[in-house]
Amino acid sequence: MTTQTFQVDGMTCGHCAGHVTTELKALDGVSDVRVDLVAGGTSTVHVDVDADQGLSDEQIVAALDEAGSYTLVR
């Protein structure tokens, strides 16, 4: 198990964080997601994933698109 950390813009409330969490947890190999919400700013998202899989930026971007209007900060 490894933790990947991503910076995400566009979340404004716990409801937004819930949508992002749901979509990320649906990805293969993901066991847990934690969001450090900064309403209206850049939030930090921690994703626990199987060490042998990992997640690409493209997978994160696709999950964020499914969740709503959220942007991966690169």
C-alpha atoms as a PDB file:
ATOM      1  CA  MET A   1       0.000   0.000   0.000  1.00  0.00           C
ATOM      2  CA  THR A   2       1.204   3.476  -0.844  1.00  0.00           C
ATOM      3  CA  THR A   3      -0.310   6.939  -0.474  1.00  0.00           C
ATOM      4  CA  GLN A   4      -0.400   9.297  -3.415  1.00  0.00           C
ATOM      5  CA  THR A   5      -1.127  12.970  -2.825  1.00  0.00           C
ATOM      6  CA  PHE A   6      -2.812  15.288  -5.303  1.00  0.00           C
ATOM      7  CA  GLN A   7      -3.700  18.993  -5.276  1.00  0.00           C
ATOM      8  CA  VAL A   8      -7.236  19.724  -6.475  1.00  0.00           C
ATOM      9  CA  ASP A   9      -9.004  23.024  -7.206  1.00  0.00           C
ATOM     10  CA  GLY A  10     -12.754  23.628  -7.280  1.00  0.00           C
ATOM     11  CA  MET A  11     -14.034  22.016  -4.099  1.00  0.00           C
ATOM     12  CA  THR A  12     -16.060  24.405  -1.966  1.00  0.00           C
ATOM     13  CA  CYS A  13     -17.713  22.161   0.649  1.00  0.00           C
ATOM     14  CA  GLY A  14     -17.993  18.737   2.195  1.00  0.00           C
ATOM     15  CA  HIS A  15     -20.482  17.735  -0.492  1.00  0.00           C
ATOM     16  CA  CYS A  16     -17.821  18.363  -3.157  1.00  0.00           C
ATOM     17  CA  ALA A  17     -15.257  16.381  -1.172  1.00  0.00           C
ATOM     18  CA  GLY A  18     -17.769  13.533  -0.930  1.00  0.00           C
ATOM     19  CA  HIS A  19     -18.219  13.418  -4.709  1.00  0.00           C
ATOM     20  CA  VAL A  20     -14.461  13.378  -5.280  1.00  0.00           C
ATOM     21  CA  THR A  21     -14.003  10.682  -2.629  1.00  0.00           C
ATOM     22  CA  THR A  22     -16.694   8.472  -4.186  1.00  0.00           C
ATOM     23  CA  GLU A  23     -15.211   8.678  -7.692  1.00  0.00           C
ATOM     24  CA  LEU A  24     -11.650   8.061  -6.537  1.00  0.00           C
ATOM     25  CA  LYS A  25     -12.661   5.081  -4.363  1.00  0.00           C
ATOM     26  CA  ALA A  26     -14.248   3.524  -7.461  1.00  0.00           C
ATOM     27  CA  LEU A  27     -10.810   3.261  -9.141  1.00  0.00           C
ATOM     28  CA  ASP A  28      -9.099  -0.133  -9.127  1.00  0.00           C
ATOM     29  CA  GLY A  29      -6.638  -0.590  -6.287  1.00  0.00           C
ATOM     30  CA  VAL A  30      -7.867   2.368  -4.184  1.00  0.00           C
ATOM     31  CA  SER A  31      -8.602   1.463  -0.564  1.00  0.00           C
ATOM     32  CA  ASP A  32      -9.057   4.888   1.038  1.00  0.00           C
ATOM     33  CA  VAL A  33      -9.344   8.587   0.166  1.00  0.00           C
ATOM     34  CA  ARG A  34      -8.895  11.533   2.519  1.00  0.00           C
ATOM     35  CA  VAL A  35      -9.555  15.147   1.553  1.00  0.00           C
ATOM     36  CA  ASP A  36      -8.021  18.125   3.344  1.00  0.00           C
ATOM     37  CA  LEU A  37     -10.648  20.610   2.154  1.00  0.00           C
ATOM     38  CA  VAL A  38      -9.695  24.222   1.535  1.00  0.00           C
ATOM     39  CA  ALA A  39     -13.027  25.714   0.499  1.00  0.00           C
ATOM     40  CA  GLY A  40     -12.547  27.782  -2.636  1.00  0.00           C
ATOM     41  CA  GLY A  41      -8.810  27.080  -2.670  1.00  0.00           C
ATOM     42  CA  THR A  42      -6.498  24.202  -3.435  1.00  0.00           C
ATOM     43  CA  SER A  43      -7.407  21.088  -1.457  1.00  0.00           C
ATOM     44  CA  THR A  44      -5.077  18.179  -0.795  1.00  0.00           C
ATOM     45  CA  VAL A  45      -6.350  14.701  -1.623  1.00  0.00           C
ATOM     46  CA  HIS A  46      -4.588  11.631  -0.196  1.00  0.00           C
ATOM     47  CA  VAL A  47      -5.277   8.346  -1.979  1.00  0.00           C
ATOM     48  CA  ASP A  48      -4.228   4.966  -0.541  1.00  0.00           C
ATOM     49  CA  VAL A  49      -3.611   2.601  -3.434  1.00  0.00           C
ATOM     50  CA  ASP A  50      -1.994  -0.788  -4.002  1.00  0.00           C
ATOM     51  CA  ALA A  51       1.744  -0.166  -4.350  1.00  0.00           C
ATOM     52  CA  ASP A  52       1.987  -2.223  -7.535  1.00  0.00           C
ATOM     53  CA  GLN A  53      -0.763  -0.254  -9.290  1.00  0.00           C
ATOM     54  CA  GLY A  54      -0.476   3.431  -8.508  1.00  0.00           C
ATOM     55  CA  LEU A  55      -2.657   6.019 -10.210  1.00  0.00           C
ATOM     56  CA  SER A  56      -1.797   8.189 -13.187  1.00  0.00           C
ATOM     57  CA  ASP A  57      -2.697  11.849 -13.510  1.00  0.00           C
ATOM     58  CA  GLU A  58      -5.032  10.824 -16.346  1.00  0.00           C
ATOM     59  CA  GLN A  59      -6.973   8.490 -14.024  1.00  0.00           C
ATOM     60  CA  ILE A  60      -7.285  11.256 -11.433  1.00  0.00           C
ATOM     61  CA  VAL A  61      -8.426  13.804 -14.032  1.00  0.00           C
ATOM     62  CA  ALA A  62     -11.080  11.378 -15.345  1.00  0.00           C
ATOM     63  CA  ALA A  63     -12.381  10.721 -11.806  1.00  0.00           C
ATOM     64  CA  LEU A  64     -12.479  14.457 -11.052  1.00  0.00           C
ATOM     65  CA  ASP A  65     -14.430  15.058 -14.288  1.00  0.00           C
ATOM     66  CA  GLU A  66     -16.957  12.416 -13.227  1.00  0.00           C
ATOM     67  CA  ALA A  67     -17.272  14.019  -9.782  1.00  0.00           C
ATOM     68  CA  GLY A  68     -17.906  17.543 -11.085  1.00  0.00           C
ATOM     69  CA  SER A  69     -15.979  20.657 -12.075  1.00  0.00           C
ATOM     70  CA  TYR A  70     -12.753  19.897 -10.235  1.00  0.00           C
ATOM     71  CA  THR A  71      -9.244  20.421 -11.556  1.00  0.00           C
ATOM     72  CA  LEU A  72      -6.018  18.583 -10.833  1.00  0.00           C
ATOM     73  CA  VAL A  73      -3.258  21.098 -10.104  1.00  0.00           C
ATOM     74  CA  ARG A  74      -0.111  20.000 -11.912  1.00  0.00           C
END
